[in-house]
C-alpha atoms as a PDB file:
ATOM      1  CA  MET A   1      77.260  43.975 151.000  1.00  0.00           C
ATOM      2  CA  TYR A   2      80.241  42.722 149.034  1.00  0.00           C
ATOM      3  CA  GLU A   3      78.685  43.470 145.676  1.00  0.00           C
ATOM      4  CA  GLY A   4      77.491  46.887 146.761  1.00  0.00           C
ATOM      5  CA  GLY A   5      80.956  47.850 147.962  1.00  0.00           C
ATOM      6  CA  GLU A   6      82.468  46.725 144.685  1.00  0.00           C
ATOM      7  CA  ASP A   7      80.007  48.799 142.672  1.00  0.00           C
ATOM      8  CA  ALA A   8      80.682  51.881 144.764  1.00  0.00           C
ATOM      9  CA  GLY A   9      84.422  51.467 144.473  1.00  0.00           C
ATOM     10  CA  ALA A  10      84.254  51.013 140.728  1.00  0.00           C
ATOM     11  CA  GLY A  11      81.995  53.997 140.243  1.00  0.00           C
ATOM     12  CA  ALA A  12      84.064  56.539 142.138  1.00  0.00           C
ATOM     13  CA  PRO A  13      87.054  56.769 139.769  1.00  0.00           C
ATOM     14  CA  ALA A  14      84.775  57.072 136.757  1.00  0.00           C
ATOM     15  CA  LEU A  15      82.986  59.984 138.386  1.00  0.00           C
ATOM     16  CA  GLY A  16      86.294  61.632 139.261  1.00  0.00           C
ATOM     17  CA  GLY A  17      87.635  61.149 135.739  1.00  0.00           C
ATOM     18  CA  SER A  18      84.462  62.568 134.266  1.00  0.00           C
ATOM     19  CA  GLY A  19      84.833  65.655 136.444  1.00  0.00           C
ATOM     20  CA  LYS A  20      88.344  66.259 135.181  1.00  0.00           C
ATOM     21  CA  ARG A  21      87.232  65.912 131.591  1.00  0.00           C
ATOM     22  CA  ILE A  22      84.437  68.419 132.154  1.00  0.00           C
ATOM     23  CA  ASN A  23      86.876  70.979 133.617  1.00  0.00           C
ATOM     24  CA  LEU A  24      89.338  70.568 130.742  1.00  0.00           C
ATOM     25  CA  GLU A  25      86.608  70.832 128.145  1.00  0.00           C
ATOM     26  CA  GLY A  26      85.463  74.038 129.770  1.00  0.00           C
ATOM     27  CA  ILE A  27      88.918  75.640 129.882  1.00  0.00           C
ATOM     28  CA  ILE A  28      89.916  75.001 126.249  1.00  0.00           C
ATOM     29  CA  PRO A  29      87.078  77.140 124.760  1.00  0.00           C
ATOM     30  CA  LEU A  30      87.989  79.973 127.145  1.00  0.00           C
ATOM     31  CA  ILE A  31      91.624  79.849 126.011  1.00  0.00           C
ATOM     32  CA  LEU A  32      90.533  79.880 122.384  1.00  0.00           C
ATOM     33  CA  LEU A  33      88.247  82.866 123.038  1.00  0.00           C
ATOM     34  CA  VAL A  34      91.124  84.788 124.630  1.00  0.00           C
ATOM     35  CA  ILE A  35      93.419  84.032 121.657  1.00  0.00           C
ATOM     36  CA  ILE A  36      90.749  85.028 119.150  1.00  0.00           C
ATOM     37  CA  GLY A  37      90.024  88.203 121.120  1.00  0.00           C
ATOM     38  CA  ILE A  38      93.685  89.272 121.179  1.00  0.00           C
ATOM     39  CA  ALA A  39      94.080  88.514 117.459  1.00  0.00           C
ATOM     40  CA  SER A  40      90.946  90.550 116.693  1.00  0.00           C
ATOM     41  CA  LEU A  41      92.139  93.533 118.738  1.00  0.00           C
ATOM     42  CA  ASN A  42      95.503  93.358 116.947  1.00  0.00           C
ATOM     43  CA  TYR A  43      93.796  93.067 113.547  1.00  0.00           C
ATOM     44  CA  PHE A  44      91.816  96.262 114.105  1.00  0.00           C
ATOM     45  CA  GLY A  45      94.755  98.138 115.620  1.00  0.00           C
ATOM     46  CA  VAL A  46      93.497  98.335 119.217  1.00  0.00           C
ATOM     47  CA  VAL A  47      96.609  96.527 120.470  1.00  0.00           C
ATOM     48  CA  ASP A  48      99.912  95.822 118.750  1.00  0.00           C
ATOM     49  CA  VAL A  49     101.105  92.204 118.824  1.00  0.00           C
ATOM     50  CA  PRO A  50     104.315  91.541 116.832  1.00  0.00           C
ATOM     51  CA  TYR A  51     104.083  89.081 113.914  1.00  0.00           C
ATOM     52  CA  LEU A  52     100.266  88.939 113.912  1.00  0.00           C
ATOM     53  CA  PRO A  53      98.607  90.278 110.723  1.00  0.00           C
ATOM     54  CA  LYS A  54      96.956  93.677 110.792  1.00  0.00           C
ATOM     55  CA  GLY A  55      93.570  94.526 109.390  1.00  0.00           C
ATOM     56  CA  SER A  56      92.458  97.429 107.243  1.00  0.00           C
ATOM     57  CA  ALA A  57      92.938 100.077 109.940  1.00  0.00           C
ATOM     58  CA  ARG A  58      94.143 103.472 108.762  1.00  0.00           C
ATOM     59  CA  VAL A  59      97.874 103.992 108.406  1.00  0.00           C
ATOM     60  CA  ASN A  60      99.318 106.974 110.273  1.00  0.00           C
ATOM     61  CA  VAL A  61     102.245 108.647 108.502  1.00  0.00           C
ATOM     62  CA  LEU A  62     104.474 111.404 109.884  1.00  0.00           C
ATOM     63  CA  PHE A  63     106.367 113.494 107.324  1.00  0.00           C
ATOM     64  CA  ILE A  64     109.418 115.303 108.725  1.00  0.00           C
ATOM     65  CA  GLY A  65     110.626 118.006 106.355  1.00  0.00           C
ATOM     66  CA  GLU A  66     108.982 119.267 103.173  1.00  0.00           C
ATOM     67  CA  PRO A  67     107.217 116.914 100.735  1.00  0.00           C
ATOM     68  CA  SER A  68     107.744 117.374  97.031  1.00  0.00           C
ATOM     69  CA  LEU A  69     104.691 117.927  94.863  1.00  0.00           C
ATOM     70  CA  GLY A  70     104.833 114.270  93.821  1.00  0.00           C
ATOM     71  CA  GLU A  71     105.072 112.999  97.399  1.00  0.00           C
ATOM     72  CA  ARG A  72     102.195 115.209  98.516  1.00  0.00           C
ATOM     73  CA  ALA A  73     100.061 114.026  95.599  1.00  0.00           C
ATOM     74  CA  GLY A  74     100.980 110.409  96.349  1.00  0.00           C
ATOM     75  CA  LEU A  75      99.994 110.614 100.021  1.00  0.00           C
ATOM     76  CA  ASP A  76      96.765 112.441  99.151  1.00  0.00           C
ATOM     77  CA  ARG A  77      96.015 109.797  96.540  1.00  0.00           C
ATOM     78  CA  LEU A  78      96.176 107.170  99.297  1.00  0.00           C
ATOM     79  CA  SER A  79      93.931 109.159 101.630  1.00  0.00           C
ATOM     80  CA  TYR A  80      91.342 106.377 101.624  1.00  0.00           C
ATOM     81  CA  PHE A  81      93.542 104.535 104.128  1.00  0.00           C
ATOM     82  CA  VAL A  82      96.437 106.919 104.935  1.00  0.00           C
ATOM     83  CA  THR A  83      96.315 109.776 107.432  1.00  0.00           C
ATOM     84  CA  TRP A  84      99.409 111.952 107.326  1.00  0.00           C
ATOM     85  CA  ARG A  85     100.766 115.073 108.948  1.00  0.00           C
ATOM     86  CA  GLN A  86     103.840 117.207 108.369  1.00  0.00           C
ATOM     87  CA  ARG A  87     106.328 118.687 110.854  1.00  0.00           C
ATOM     88  CA  GLU A  88     109.694 120.399 110.618  1.00  0.00           C
ATOM     89  CA  ALA A  89     112.598 118.660 112.351  1.00  0.00           C
ATOM     90  CA  SER A  90     113.286 121.786 114.402  1.00  0.00           C
ATOM     91  CA  THR A  91     109.875 121.558 116.125  1.00  0.00           C
ATOM     92  CA  PHE A  92     110.532 118.305 117.998  1.00  0.00           C
ATOM     93  CA  GLY A  93     112.609 119.702 120.841  1.00  0.00           C
ATOM     94  CA  MET A  94     113.532 116.869 123.207  1.00  0.00           C
ATOM     95  CA  ALA A  95     112.079 114.079 121.079  1.00  0.00           C
ATOM     96  CA  SER A  96     111.667 110.562 122.464  1.00  0.00           C
ATOM     97  CA  ILE A  97     110.491 107.257 121.048  1.00  0.00           C
ATOM     98  CA  GLU A  98     107.037 107.932 122.506  1.00  0.00           C
ATOM     99  CA  THR A  99     106.778 110.758 119.968  1.00  0.00           C
ATOM    100  CA  PHE A 100     106.681 108.197 117.148  1.00  0.00           C
ATOM    101  CA  ASN A 101     104.812 105.277 118.707  1.00  0.00           C
ATOM    102  CA  GLN A 102     101.529 106.497 117.220  1.00  0.00           C
ATOM    103  CA  TYR A 103     102.907 106.424 113.645  1.00  0.00           C
ATOM    104  CA  ASP A 104     103.105 103.392 111.372  1.00  0.00           C
ATOM    105  CA  ILE A 105     105.521 105.085 108.950  1.00  0.00           C
ATOM    106  CA  VAL A 106     107.873 108.063 109.353  1.00  0.00           C
ATOM    107  CA  ILE A 107     109.236 109.849 106.265  1.00  0.00           C
ATOM    108  CA  LEU A 108     112.334 112.032 106.692  1.00  0.00           C
ATOM    109  CA  ASP A 109     112.693 114.199 103.598  1.00  0.00           C
ATOM    110  CA  GLN A 110     114.552 117.501 103.873  1.00  0.00           C
ATOM    111  CA  SER A 111     115.898 117.301 100.332  1.00  0.00           C
ATOM    112  CA  ASN A 112     113.699 120.211  99.228  1.00  0.00           C
ATOM    113  CA  ILE A 113     114.734 122.612 102.001  1.00  0.00           C
ATOM    114  CA  ALA A 114     118.024 124.210 103.046  1.00  0.00           C
ATOM    115  CA  ASP A 115     118.034 122.874 106.619  1.00  0.00           C
ATOM    116  CA  LYS A 116     118.977 119.198 106.472  1.00  0.00           C
ATOM    117  CA  SER A 117     119.835 118.865 110.141  1.00  0.00           C
ATOM    118  CA  ILE A 118     118.284 116.970 113.046  1.00  0.00           C
ATOM    119  CA  THR A 119     118.932 117.249 116.773  1.00  0.00           C
ATOM    120  CA  VAL A 120     120.713 114.564 118.763  1.00  0.00           C
ATOM    121  CA  SER A 121     117.481 113.678 120.586  1.00  0.00           C
ATOM    122  CA  LEU A 122     115.509 113.364 117.338  1.00  0.00           C
ATOM    123  CA  GLY A 123     118.189 111.120 115.847  1.00  0.00           C
ATOM    124  CA  GLU A 124     118.229 108.889 118.927  1.00  0.00           C
ATOM    125  CA  ALA A 125     114.429 108.701 119.006  1.00  0.00           C
ATOM    126  CA  LEU A 126     114.276 107.644 115.355  1.00  0.00           C
ATOM    127  CA  GLN A 127     116.929 104.986 115.976  1.00  0.00           C
ATOM    128  CA  LYS A 128     114.933 103.506 118.871  1.00  0.00           C
ATOM    129  CA  TYR A 129     111.719 103.716 116.827  1.00  0.00           C
ATOM    130  CA  VAL A 130     113.270 101.607 114.057  1.00  0.00           C
ATOM    131  CA  GLN A 131     114.992  99.211 116.451  1.00  0.00           C
ATOM    132  CA  LYS A 132     111.633  98.469 118.055  1.00  0.00           C
ATOM    133  CA  GLY A 133     109.962  97.673 114.739  1.00  0.00           C
ATOM    134  CA  GLY A 134     109.199 101.103 113.245  1.00  0.00           C
ATOM    135  CA  LYS A 135     109.187 101.870 109.514  1.00  0.00           C
ATOM    136  CA  LEU A 136     111.277 104.812 108.269  1.00  0.00           C
ATOM    137  CA  ILE A 137     111.828 106.318 104.803  1.00  0.00           C
ATOM    138  CA  VAL A 138     114.889 108.559 104.354  1.00  0.00           C
ATOM    139  CA  VAL A 139     115.218 110.636 101.168  1.00  0.00           C
ATOM    140  CA  MET A 140     118.564 111.725  99.687  1.00  0.00           C
ATOM    141  CA  ASN A 141     120.702 113.813 102.077  1.00  0.00           C
ATOM    142  CA  SER A 142     118.029 114.362 104.721  1.00  0.00           C
ATOM    143  CA  GLY A 143     119.372 114.298 108.268  1.00  0.00           C
ATOM    144  CA  VAL A 144     123.077 114.341 107.348  1.00  0.00           C
ATOM    145  CA  TYR A 145     123.763 117.379 109.540  1.00  0.00           C
ATOM    146  CA  GLN A 146     123.467 117.675 113.278  1.00  0.00           C
ATOM    147  CA  SER A 147     121.576 120.638 114.685  1.00  0.00           C
ATOM    148  CA  ALA A 148     123.392 122.619 117.343  1.00  0.00           C
ATOM    149  CA  GLY A 149     120.017 122.980 119.047  1.00  0.00           C
ATOM    150  CA  PHE A 150     119.709 126.763 119.005  1.00  0.00           C
ATOM    151  CA  GLY A 151     118.903 129.363 116.408  1.00  0.00           C
ATOM    152  CA  GLY A 152     118.768 126.850 113.582  1.00  0.00           C
ATOM    153  CA  TYR A 153     122.566 126.478 113.441  1.00  0.00           C
ATOM    154  CA  THR A 154     124.144 123.193 112.391  1.00  0.00           C
ATOM    155  CA  SER A 155     127.360 121.571 113.574  1.00  0.00           C
ATOM    156  CA  ASN A 156     130.092 121.962 110.962  1.00  0.00           C
ATOM    157  CA  ASP A 157     131.879 118.734 111.949  1.00  0.00           C
ATOM    158  CA  VAL A 158     129.034 116.352 111.000  1.00  0.00           C
ATOM    159  CA  THR A 159     128.013 115.473 107.432  1.00  0.00           C
ATOM    160  CA  ASN A 160     126.879 111.858 107.484  1.00  0.00           C
ATOM    161  CA  TRP A 161     124.121 109.583 108.743  1.00  0.00           C
ATOM    162  CA  LYS A 162     126.440 107.541 110.931  1.00  0.00           C
ATOM    163  CA  ALA A 163     126.789 110.479 113.304  1.00  0.00           C
ATOM    164  CA  THR A 164     123.129 111.529 113.264  1.00  0.00           C
ATOM    165  CA  LEU A 165     121.175 108.263 112.864  1.00  0.00           C
ATOM    166  CA  GLY A 166     123.665 105.567 113.823  1.00  0.00           C
ATOM    167  CA  ASP A 167     123.486 102.327 111.874  1.00  0.00           C
ATOM    168  CA  ILE A 168     119.852 102.419 110.729  1.00  0.00           C
ATOM    169  CA  VAL A 169     120.323 104.173 107.339  1.00  0.00           C
ATOM    170  CA  PRO A 170     121.405 101.708 104.601  1.00  0.00           C
ATOM    171  CA  ALA A 171     123.611 104.313 102.879  1.00  0.00           C
ATOM    172  CA  ASN A 172     127.052 105.735 103.564  1.00  0.00           C
ATOM    173  CA  CYS A 173     128.274 109.163 102.561  1.00  0.00           C
ATOM    174  CA  ILE A 174     131.626 108.925 100.763  1.00  0.00           C
ATOM    175  CA  ALA A 175     134.371 111.413 100.001  1.00  0.00           C
ATOM    176  CA  SER A 176     134.068 113.096  96.596  1.00  0.00           C
ATOM    177  CA  SER A 177     137.043 113.723  94.331  1.00  0.00           C
ATOM    178  CA  ASP A 178     137.429 117.173  95.902  1.00  0.00           C
ATOM    179  CA  GLY A 179     137.304 115.711  99.419  1.00  0.00           C
ATOM    180  CA  VAL A 180     133.831 117.087 100.189  1.00  0.00           C
ATOM    181  CA  PRO A 181     131.386 114.459 101.521  1.00  0.00           C
ATOM    182  CA  SER A 182     129.200 113.250  98.648  1.00  0.00           C
ATOM    183  CA  CYS A 183     125.994 113.683 100.675  1.00  0.00           C
ATOM    184  CA  ALA A 184     126.709 117.346 101.448  1.00  0.00           C
ATOM    185  CA  GLU A 185     124.292 119.941 100.148  1.00  0.00           C
ATOM    186  CA  GLY A 186     125.283 121.014  96.653  1.00  0.00           C
ATOM    187  CA  LYS A 187     126.904 117.671  95.747  1.00  0.00           C
ATOM    188  CA  GLU A 188     123.782 116.366  93.983  1.00  0.00           C
ATOM    189  CA  VAL A 189     124.281 114.865  90.517  1.00  0.00           C
ATOM    190  CA  THR A 190     121.815 115.357  87.662  1.00  0.00           C
ATOM    191  CA  VAL A 191     121.131 112.274  85.559  1.00  0.00           C
ATOM    192  CA  VAL A 192     118.855 111.936  82.530  1.00  0.00           C
ATOM    193  CA  GLY A 193     117.739 108.339  82.728  1.00  0.00           C
ATOM    194  CA  ARG A 194     115.508 105.783  84.428  1.00  0.00           C
ATOM    195  CA  ILE A 195     115.090 103.847  87.651  1.00  0.00           C
ATOM    196  CA  TRP A 196     115.708 100.122  87.045  1.00  0.00           C
ATOM    197  CA  ALA A 197     114.664  97.230  89.255  1.00  0.00           C
ATOM    198  CA  GLU A 198     117.566  95.351  90.814  1.00  0.00           C
ATOM    199  CA  ASP A 199     115.234  92.945  92.637  1.00  0.00           C
ATOM    200  CA  TYR A 200     112.252  92.215  90.381  1.00  0.00           C
ATOM    201  CA  GLU A 201     110.558  90.182  93.124  1.00  0.00           C
ATOM    202  CA  HIS A 202     110.653  92.930  95.749  1.00  0.00           C
ATOM    203  CA  PRO A 203     107.170  94.305  96.617  1.00  0.00           C
ATOM    204  CA  ILE A 204     108.413  97.873  96.056  1.00  0.00           C
ATOM    205  CA  MET A 205     109.173  97.065  92.413  1.00  0.00           C
ATOM    206  CA  GLN A 206     106.124  94.872  91.868  1.00  0.00           C
ATOM    207  CA  GLY A 207     105.123  95.110  88.203  1.00  0.00           C
ATOM    208  CA  ILE A 208     107.857  97.692  87.519  1.00  0.00           C
ATOM    209  CA  GLU A 209     110.988  96.794  85.574  1.00  0.00           C
ATOM    210  CA  THR A 210     111.957 100.360  84.784  1.00  0.00           C
ATOM    211  CA  ALA A 211     110.451 103.765  85.507  1.00  0.00           C
ATOM    212  CA  PRO A 212     109.547 105.372  83.237  1.00  0.00           C
ATOM    213  CA  PRO A 213     109.022 102.344  80.964  1.00  0.00           C
ATOM    214  CA  ILE A 214     111.103 101.867  77.838  1.00  0.00           C
ATOM    215  CA  GLY A 215     109.355 103.694  75.010  1.00  0.00           C
ATOM    216  CA  GLN A 216     108.615 106.726  77.155  1.00  0.00           C
ATOM    217  CA  ALA A 217     110.973 109.665  77.508  1.00  0.00           C
ATOM    218  CA  PRO A 218     113.598 109.431  80.286  1.00  0.00           C
ATOM    219  CA  VAL A 219     113.377 111.757  83.279  1.00  0.00           C
ATOM    220  CA  VAL A 220     115.796 114.183  84.888  1.00  0.00           C
ATOM    221  CA  VAL A 221     116.816 112.635  88.208  1.00  0.00           C
ATOM    222  CA  ARG A 222     118.674 114.466  90.969  1.00  0.00           C
ATOM    223  CA  THR A 223     120.714 111.956  92.952  1.00  0.00           C
ATOM    224  CA  LEU A 224     123.819 111.488  95.135  1.00  0.00           C
ATOM    225  CA  GLU A 225     126.954 109.378  94.925  1.00  0.00           C
ATOM    226  CA  ILE A 226     126.570 107.183  98.001  1.00  0.00           C
ATOM    227  CA  ALA A 227     127.648 103.683  99.002  1.00  0.00           C
ATOM    228  CA  PRO A 228     125.367 100.997 100.451  1.00  0.00           C
ATOM    229  CA  THR A 229     126.133  99.699 103.925  1.00  0.00           C
ATOM    230  CA  PRO A 230     127.246  96.046 104.196  1.00  0.00           C
ATOM    231  CA  THR A 231     123.777  95.055 105.427  1.00  0.00           C
ATOM    232  CA  ALA A 232     121.836  97.019 102.788  1.00  0.00           C
ATOM    233  CA  LYS A 233     119.731  95.394 100.084  1.00  0.00           C
ATOM    234  CA  ARG A 234     119.763  97.139  96.708  1.00  0.00           C
ATOM    235  CA  VAL A 235     116.205  97.275  95.420  1.00  0.00           C
ATOM    236  CA  ALA A 236     116.689  99.572  92.406  1.00  0.00           C
ATOM    237  CA  PHE A 237     119.331 101.655  90.659  1.00  0.00           C
ATOM    238  CA  ILE A 238     119.509 104.734  88.428  1.00  0.00           C
ATOM    239  CA  GLN A 239     121.158 104.583  85.022  1.00  0.00           C
ATOM    240  CA  GLY A 240     121.597 107.439  82.611  1.00  0.00           C
ATOM    241  CA  GLU A 241     120.805 107.128  78.928  1.00  0.00           C
ATOM    242  CA  SER A 242     123.701 105.712  76.895  1.00  0.00           C
ATOM    243  CA  ILE A 243     126.107 105.579  79.865  1.00  0.00           C
ATOM    244  CA  SER A 244     127.258 102.606  81.914  1.00  0.00           C
ATOM    245  CA  LYS A 245     127.582 104.395  85.259  1.00  0.00           C
ATOM    246  CA  THR A 246     124.846 103.605  87.756  1.00  0.00           C
ATOM    247  CA  TYR A 247     123.710 105.108  91.045  1.00  0.00           C
ATOM    248  CA  ASP A 248     121.947 103.404  93.928  1.00  0.00           C
ATOM    249  CA  ALA A 249     118.271 104.399  93.777  1.00  0.00           C
ATOM    250  CA  ILE A 250     116.502 102.443  96.535  1.00  0.00           C
ATOM    251  CA  LEU A 251     118.167 100.644  99.440  1.00  0.00           C
ATOM    252  CA  GLU A 252     116.562  98.651 102.233  1.00  0.00           C
ATOM    253  CA  GLN A 253     117.832  97.615 105.643  1.00  0.00           C
ATOM    254  CA  LYS A 254     116.179  95.569 108.382  1.00  0.00           C
ATOM    255  CA  SER A 255     116.773  96.213 112.067  1.00  0.00           C
ATOM    256  CA  PHE A 256     116.780  93.116 114.259  1.00  0.00           C
ATOM    257  CA  PRO A 257     115.309  91.655 116.406  1.00  0.00           C
ATOM    258  CA  MET A 258     112.012  93.558 115.956  1.00  0.00           C
ATOM    259  CA  MET A 259     112.286  93.766 112.155  1.00  0.00           C
ATOM    260  CA  GLY A 260     112.161  97.526 111.860  1.00  0.00           C
ATOM    261  CA  THR A 261     112.663  98.677 108.271  1.00  0.00           C
ATOM    262  CA  VAL A 262     114.452 101.654 106.707  1.00  0.00           C
ATOM    263  CA  ILE A 263     113.995 102.437 103.019  1.00  0.00           C
ATOM    264  CA  TYR A 264     116.469 104.909 101.524  1.00  0.00           C
ATOM    265  CA  PHE A 265     115.474 106.800  98.359  1.00  0.00           C
ATOM    266  CA  ASN A 266     118.364 108.398  96.477  1.00  0.00           C
ATOM    267  CA  TYR A 267     115.950 110.522  94.453  1.00  0.00           C
ATOM    268  CA  ASP A 268     112.577 112.179  94.901  1.00  0.00           C
ATOM    269  CA  PRO A 269     110.152 109.222  95.302  1.00  0.00           C
ATOM    270  CA  GLY A 270     107.333 111.471  94.129  1.00  0.00           C
ATOM    271  CA  MET A 271     108.800 111.197  90.606  1.00  0.00           C
ATOM    272  CA  THR A 272     107.742 107.525  90.469  1.00  0.00           C
ATOM    273  CA  PRO A 273     104.143 107.339  91.774  1.00  0.00           C
ATOM    274  CA  GLY A 274     103.863 103.577  91.291  1.00  0.00           C
ATOM    275  CA  ILE A 275     107.034 102.867  93.260  1.00  0.00           C
ATOM    276  CA  PHE A 276     106.001 105.327  95.977  1.00  0.00           C
ATOM    277  CA  ASN A 277     102.571 103.661  96.299  1.00  0.00           C
ATOM    278  CA  ASN A 278     104.170 100.210  96.460  1.00  0.00           C
ATOM    279  CA  THR A 279     106.520 101.398  99.202  1.00  0.00           C
ATOM    280  CA  ILE A 280     103.690 102.640 101.422  1.00  0.00           C
ATOM    281  CA  PHE A 281     101.754  99.395 100.894  1.00  0.00           C
ATOM    282  CA  TYR A 282     104.898  97.374 101.640  1.00  0.00           C
ATOM    283  CA  LEU A 283     105.635  99.202 104.892  1.00  0.00           C
ATOM    284  CA  LYS A 284     102.075  99.397 106.197  1.00  0.00           C
END
C-alpha cells in the first residue's frame, strides 16, 4: 500500500508536466504559422505591414498634372512592374487621404502646363498621405498656387509650397532680385550644364556621377532658384558649363514617424532616364 501510494504520487506531477509541454509545443507552431502568413500576405501586397519587406507586386503610380515626353517614356519603360494613370489636379474635388491609399507613388508635375494650382483639400490629402508613409515626387513649381475652387481661378496671395503642401516639400521658394517669388511661373532659369551627384551613395544616383557623363555634350536644363528646407537632403545639383554657380537638382525629405518620403526634382526628371528609373525603384 505504501509503495503503491508513493508511485502514484510521484507519477502525477510528471504527467501534469508532460501535458503542459504538449500544449506549449502545440501553440508555438501555430504562432509561427500566423507570423509567416502575415509576412506572406504583406510580401504579395494583400495587406500592408510597416517595415516588412514587399515582394514583386506591381507598383501603382498616380501622375497629377502632365508628364513630359521623357517621364511618359520612363513610366512606359517600367511597365513590366509599374501601372500608372494620369489625372489633372482640378478633377479631385474634395480629395481625402483615401483617394491615395491605393497608390504606392504619387507624382505631382504641373511644370508643363499653365495651371500649377491645387485645392486646399488636395494639398491636405497629400500631406496626410506622406505623413502616413506615402511616397511623393514634386517637380519644379508644381503646386505652388492655391486653387480658388471654381472656374479654374487661382488665389493671387499664394505662391509657395508652405501654404499649399505644408512642411512636406523639401524646397522653399525665395524672393528674387525683383521681389517676385522665385518659384512663380516665368521665373525659370535656363542652364546649359549637367546634373552632378552630391551623395554618390544614394540609391537615386547609383552608378551616376554626372548626367550626361563627361565626354558627352551638356544639356539645356530649365530650373528654379530655390532653397532647401532645414530638414532636406541634397542628393544632386545642377552646374552650368564653365560657371561656379550651382542649383539644387534633387532634394529628399523624410516624414516621421511613418517614414513617408518626398523627392523634389528641380528639373524635368524625364531628361535623365537613369536617375528617373532609380527614383522609382528607390521609392517602390
